[in-house]
Protein backbone atom coordinates (compact mmCIF):
# COMPACT_ATOMS: atom_id res chain seq x y z
CA UNK A 1 -8.32 -28.04 -11.55
CA UNK A 2 -6.74 -26.93 -14.84
CA UNK A 3 -3.73 -27.49 -17.05
CA UNK A 4 -0.79 -25.10 -16.99
CA UNK A 5 -1.03 -22.83 -20.07
CA UNK A 6 2.72 -22.18 -20.05
CA UNK A 7 3.90 -23.75 -23.35
CA UNK A 8 7.24 -24.69 -21.74
CA UNK A 9 5.64 -27.04 -19.24
CA UNK A 10 1.99 -27.48 -20.27
CA UNK A 11 0.79 -31.04 -19.85
CA UNK A 12 4.14 -32.54 -18.80
CA UNK A 13 3.24 -33.02 -15.15
CA UNK A 14 -0.11 -34.54 -16.10
CA UNK A 15 1.61 -36.89 -18.54
CA UNK A 16 4.17 -38.05 -15.94
CA UNK A 17 1.46 -38.82 -13.42
CA UNK A 18 -0.47 -40.81 -16.01
CA UNK A 19 2.68 -42.69 -17.04
CA UNK A 20 3.16 -43.62 -13.39
CA UNK A 21 -0.27 -45.22 -13.40
CA UNK A 22 -1.98 -42.47 -11.42
CA UNK A 23 -5.55 -41.68 -12.42
CA UNK A 24 -5.67 -37.94 -13.11
CA UNK A 25 -8.61 -35.73 -13.98
CA UNK A 26 -8.80 -31.98 -14.46
CA UNK A 27 -11.49 -29.37 -14.92
CA UNK A 28 -12.84 -29.58 -11.36
CA UNK A 29 -13.48 -26.04 -10.06
CA UNK A 30 -11.78 -24.65 -13.16
CA UNK A 31 -13.45 -21.22 -12.93
CA UNK A 32 -12.18 -20.83 -9.35
CA UNK A 33 -8.68 -21.84 -10.42
CA UNK A 34 -8.76 -19.37 -13.30
CA UNK A 35 -9.83 -16.58 -10.94
CA UNK A 36 -6.90 -17.34 -8.62
CA UNK A 37 -4.45 -17.32 -11.55
CA UNK A 38 -6.03 -14.68 -13.80
CA UNK A 39 -2.85 -12.62 -14.10
CA UNK A 40 -0.64 -15.54 -15.05
CA UNK A 41 -3.28 -16.91 -17.42
CA UNK A 42 -3.70 -13.63 -19.26
CA UNK A 43 0.05 -13.19 -19.65
CA UNK A 44 0.43 -16.73 -20.98
CA UNK A 45 -2.43 -16.27 -23.46
CA UNK A 46 -1.82 -12.69 -24.63
CA UNK A 47 1.59 -11.54 -23.40
CA UNK A 48 -0.06 -8.72 -21.42
CA UNK A 49 -0.46 -8.40 -17.65
CA UNK A 50 -3.90 -8.38 -16.03
CA UNK A 51 -4.71 -4.75 -15.15
CA UNK A 52 -6.94 -3.59 -12.30
CA UNK A 53 -7.66 0.14 -12.18
CA UNK A 54 -8.53 1.48 -8.74
CA UNK A 55 -10.52 4.70 -8.47
CA UNK A 56 -11.89 6.54 -5.46
CA UNK A 57 -14.67 9.06 -5.93
CA UNK A 58 -17.57 10.96 -4.44
CA UNK A 59 -21.22 10.29 -5.29
CA UNK A 60 -20.95 12.79 -8.14
CA UNK A 61 -17.88 11.07 -9.59
CA UNK A 62 -15.26 13.51 -8.33
CA UNK A 63 -11.80 12.49 -7.16
CA UNK A 64 -10.40 15.73 -5.72
CA UNK A 65 -11.33 19.30 -4.98
CA UNK A 66 -10.45 21.93 -7.57
CA UNK A 67 -7.41 22.77 -5.41
CA UNK A 68 -6.18 19.19 -5.74
CA UNK A 69 -7.06 18.23 -2.17
CA UNK A 70 -8.03 14.55 -2.13
CA UNK A 71 -7.02 13.11 1.25
CA UNK A 72 -9.22 11.54 2.19
CA UNK A 73 -12.38 11.13 0.11
CA UNK A 74 -12.94 7.50 1.05
CA UNK A 75 -12.91 5.90 4.49
CA UNK A 76 -10.14 4.16 6.49
CA UNK A 77 -11.96 0.88 5.79
CA UNK A 78 -11.68 1.48 2.04
CA UNK A 79 -7.99 2.26 2.39
CA UNK A 80 -7.45 -1.00 4.30
CA UNK A 81 -9.27 -2.84 1.53
CA UNK A 82 -6.87 -1.26 -0.96
CA UNK A 83 -3.96 -2.63 1.08
CA UNK A 84 -5.40 -6.13 0.71
CA UNK A 85 -5.71 -5.77 -3.06
CA UNK A 86 -2.24 -4.26 -3.36
CA UNK A 87 -0.84 -7.31 -1.58
CA UNK A 88 -2.41 -9.59 -4.19
CA UNK A 89 -0.80 -7.70 -7.09
CA UNK A 90 2.54 -8.29 -8.78
CA UNK A 91 3.07 -4.58 -9.44
CA UNK A 92 1.57 -1.17 -8.65
CA UNK A 93 1.47 1.41 -11.45
CA UNK A 94 1.23 5.17 -11.07
CA UNK A 95 2.22 8.35 -12.88
CA UNK A 96 4.83 11.00 -12.21
CA UNK A 97 1.97 13.48 -11.74
CA UNK A 98 0.65 11.45 -8.80
CA UNK A 99 4.13 11.13 -7.30
CA UNK A 100 4.73 14.87 -7.56
CA UNK A 101 1.29 15.73 -6.15
CA UNK A 102 1.05 13.22 -3.29
CA UNK A 103 4.54 11.75 -2.76
CA UNK A 104 3.04 8.29 -2.07
CA UNK A 105 4.99 5.27 -0.85
CA UNK A 106 2.73 2.78 -2.69
CA UNK A 107 3.72 -0.10 -0.44
CA UNK A 108 1.76 -2.84 1.27
CA UNK A 109 1.51 -1.93 4.95
CA UNK A 110 1.18 -5.21 6.79
CA UNK A 111 -0.28 -3.61 9.94
CA UNK A 112 -3.24 -2.36 7.88
CA UNK A 113 -4.14 -5.76 6.43
CA UNK A 114 -7.08 -7.73 7.83
CA UNK A 115 -6.30 -10.89 9.80
CA UNK A 116 -7.13 -13.24 6.93
CA UNK A 117 -4.79 -11.41 4.55
CA UNK A 118 -2.07 -11.24 7.21
CA UNK A 119 -2.32 -15.02 7.44
CA UNK A 120 -1.82 -15.32 3.69
CA UNK A 121 1.11 -12.89 3.67
CA UNK A 122 3.16 -13.31 6.90
CA UNK A 123 5.06 -10.18 7.84
CA UNK A 124 8.48 -11.86 7.84
CA UNK A 125 8.27 -12.75 4.15
CA UNK A 126 5.91 -10.07 2.82
CA UNK A 127 6.80 -9.32 -0.79
CA UNK A 128 6.40 -5.72 -1.83
CA UNK A 129 4.89 -5.36 -5.31
CA UNK A 130 7.14 -3.77 -7.91
CA UNK A 131 6.35 -0.05 -8.04
CA UNK A 132 6.18 1.25 -11.62
CA UNK A 133 6.16 4.97 -12.39
CA UNK A 134 5.41 6.39 -15.83
CA UNK A 135 7.77 9.36 -15.99
CA UNK A 136 8.32 10.40 -19.60
CA UNK A 137 9.79 13.78 -18.61
CA UNK A 138 12.07 12.49 -15.81
CA UNK A 139 10.36 14.63 -13.18
CA UNK A 140 10.56 12.24 -10.22
CA UNK A 141 13.71 12.57 -8.10
CA UNK A 142 15.69 10.06 -6.01
CA UNK A 143 14.37 11.85 -2.92
CA UNK A 144 10.72 10.92 -3.50
CA UNK A 145 9.26 8.41 -1.06
CA UNK A 146 8.38 5.87 -3.73
CA UNK A 147 12.10 5.40 -4.43
CA UNK A 148 13.06 5.07 -0.77
CA UNK A 149 10.79 2.12 0.10
CA UNK A 150 11.75 -1.57 0.37
CA UNK A 151 11.51 -3.47 -2.89
CA UNK A 152 12.00 -2.41 -6.49
CA UNK A 153 10.93 0.77 -8.27
CA UNK A 154 10.81 0.75 -12.07
CA UNK A 155 10.58 3.89 -14.18
CA UNK A 156 8.99 3.82 -17.62
CA UNK A 157 10.76 6.60 -19.53
CA UNK A 158 11.09 7.87 -23.07
CA UNK A 159 14.69 8.99 -22.46
CA UNK A 160 17.54 8.06 -20.14
CA UNK A 161 17.99 9.80 -16.79
CA UNK A 162 21.62 10.54 -15.85
CA UNK A 163 21.06 11.07 -12.13
CA UNK A 164 22.31 8.57 -9.55
CA UNK A 165 19.62 6.18 -8.34
CA UNK A 166 19.55 3.42 -5.73
CA UNK A 167 20.30 -0.12 -6.90
CA UNK A 168 16.62 -0.98 -6.48
CA UNK A 169 15.67 1.40 -9.31
CA UNK A 170 15.35 0.15 -12.87
CA UNK A 171 14.57 1.98 -16.12
CA UNK A 172 12.43 0.75 -19.00
CA UNK A 173 12.83 2.83 -22.15
CA UNK A 174 9.51 2.98 -24.00
CA UNK A 175 8.86 4.72 -27.36
CA UNK A 176 6.31 7.48 -27.78
CA UNK A 177 2.99 7.22 -29.58
CA UNK A 178 1.20 10.42 -30.59
CA UNK A 179 3.35 12.48 -28.24
CA UNK A 180 2.92 10.25 -25.18
CA UNK A 181 4.64 7.19 -23.78
CA UNK A 182 3.18 4.17 -25.59
CA UNK A 183 1.13 2.32 -22.97
CA UNK A 184 0.59 -0.73 -25.17
CA UNK A 185 4.34 -1.18 -25.67
CA UNK A 186 4.87 -0.66 -21.94
CA UNK A 187 2.42 -3.43 -21.07
CA UNK A 188 4.04 -5.74 -23.61
CA UNK A 189 7.43 -5.06 -22.02
CA UNK A 190 6.07 -5.67 -18.53
CA UNK A 191 4.62 -8.96 -19.72
CA UNK A 192 8.06 -9.94 -21.02
CA UNK A 193 9.43 -9.10 -17.56
CA UNK A 194 6.97 -11.70 -16.18
CA UNK A 195 4.72 -9.16 -14.49
CA UNK A 196 1.41 -11.00 -14.21
CA UNK A 197 -0.90 -8.45 -12.60
CA UNK A 198 -0.86 -4.68 -12.20
CA UNK A 199 -2.80 -2.60 -9.68
CA UNK A 200 -3.16 0.99 -10.94
CA UNK A 201 -3.43 3.96 -8.59
CA UNK A 202 -3.20 7.18 -10.58
CA UNK A 203 -4.99 10.36 -11.50
CA UNK A 204 -7.60 10.97 -14.20
CA UNK A 205 -5.13 11.37 -17.07
CA UNK A 206 -3.43 7.98 -16.80
CA UNK A 207 -6.70 6.31 -15.83
CA UNK A 208 -8.37 7.69 -18.95
CA UNK A 209 -5.44 6.79 -21.19
CA UNK A 210 -5.48 3.17 -20.00
CA UNK A 211 -9.24 2.98 -20.54
CA UNK A 212 -9.05 4.46 -24.03
CA UNK A 213 -6.25 2.06 -24.95
CA UNK A 214 -8.46 -0.86 -23.93
CA UNK A 215 -5.90 -2.09 -21.42
CA UNK A 216 -8.07 -2.25 -18.28
CA UNK A 217 -9.43 -5.67 -17.30
CA UNK A 218 -11.13 -4.66 -14.06
CA UNK A 219 -12.35 -1.46 -12.43
CA UNK A 220 -12.35 -1.24 -8.63
CA UNK A 221 -14.26 1.94 -7.74
CA UNK A 222 -14.75 3.10 -4.15
CA UNK A 223 -17.66 5.52 -3.82
CA UNK A 224 -17.86 7.75 -0.74
CA UNK A 225 -21.27 9.09 0.41
CA UNK A 226 -20.41 12.73 -0.16
CA UNK A 227 -20.73 15.36 -2.90
CA UNK A 228 -17.83 17.53 -4.04
CA UNK A 229 -19.54 19.74 -6.61
CA UNK A 230 -19.01 20.53 -10.27
CA UNK A 231 -15.75 22.43 -9.72
CA UNK A 232 -14.06 19.32 -8.31
CA UNK A 233 -11.87 17.10 -10.48
CA UNK A 234 -13.40 14.28 -12.51
CA UNK A 235 -12.90 10.54 -12.34
CA UNK A 236 -10.98 10.07 -15.58
CA UNK A 237 -10.03 12.03 -18.69
CA UNK A 238 -11.38 10.66 -21.97
CA UNK A 239 -10.58 13.26 -24.64
CA UNK A 240 -12.29 13.04 -28.01
CA UNK A 241 -15.12 10.82 -26.79
CA UNK A 242 -18.21 12.02 -28.66
CA UNK A 243 -20.42 8.95 -29.21
CA UNK A 244 -21.94 6.59 -26.67
CA UNK A 245 -20.96 3.72 -28.93
CA UNK A 246 -17.30 4.61 -28.40
CA UNK A 247 -17.51 4.70 -24.59
CA UNK A 248 -15.52 2.02 -22.72
CA UNK A 249 -18.01 -0.63 -21.58
CA UNK A 250 -17.95 -2.67 -18.37
CA UNK A 251 -20.34 -4.90 -16.47
CA UNK A 252 -20.88 -5.18 -12.74
CA UNK A 253 -19.33 -8.22 -11.09
CA UNK A 254 -19.78 -7.33 -7.43
CA UNK A 255 -21.09 -4.49 -5.27
CA UNK A 256 -20.21 -4.47 -1.59
CA UNK A 257 -20.16 -2.18 1.43
CA UNK A 258 -16.73 -1.23 2.75
CA UNK A 259 -17.35 0.71 5.94
CA UNK A 260 -19.47 3.74 4.98
CA UNK A 261 -18.42 3.45 1.33
CA UNK A 262 -19.49 1.23 -1.54
CA UNK A 263 -17.02 -0.71 -3.68
CA UNK A 264 -18.01 -1.34 -7.29
CA UNK A 265 -16.19 -4.20 -8.97
CA UNK A 266 -16.52 -4.19 -12.75
CA UNK A 267 -15.02 -6.29 -15.53
CA UNK A 268 -14.85 -5.76 -19.28
CA UNK A 269 -18.16 -6.18 -21.06
């Protein structure tokens, strides 16, 4: 369908087949092939992973009550859909604030996958995505659930952490930019670690920072048919945004029902 964009191998397989006298053509169903390999393709072309930001909100764009209560705004069907999309991702990114607030595992739970996805990812060789936590102040502890799960957990830090961690834990030291961990440098480093695609599940601060940095390729927004009121917490934090012209722009790719909820799938405009 398409040629491999990896400069180390691009075109070699095609050339060998042609040298062997085999008639080869490419370009058939190229858009479908690119969709299947969008993470790898973006990393090959730009050095950055493909980033999908998942958000769950009420009709009035709220993600949690003022108290912080957020489980559960969306339906069990939406949560199962999230499991499917997690399974397709190379890594899952969150923040230390989310870990401290919710103590999530951020794993793919095979029993919650639909039958088609279970067929694609058999339980006996299910690969857990790499869990990546942005923790610039070293607030997450070895006792948190995200550290205790099967598979690897990577911490993006601005300084070393001297505590003892399991062998499955890895640290990436990232410089600061304007008082915060530099997200652009982080994504460059993850690309160098051959992370092709990242599924983001985090609160409004990290979501807003990724959007303002222009790092988000897709938005996956689950909307529940309920209202939480103006005291509830917002969808994302975008400080300093004063002009419509400066607002992050997306376009709708797909809108679908997921149980009682609606899933909005948007891509960069």
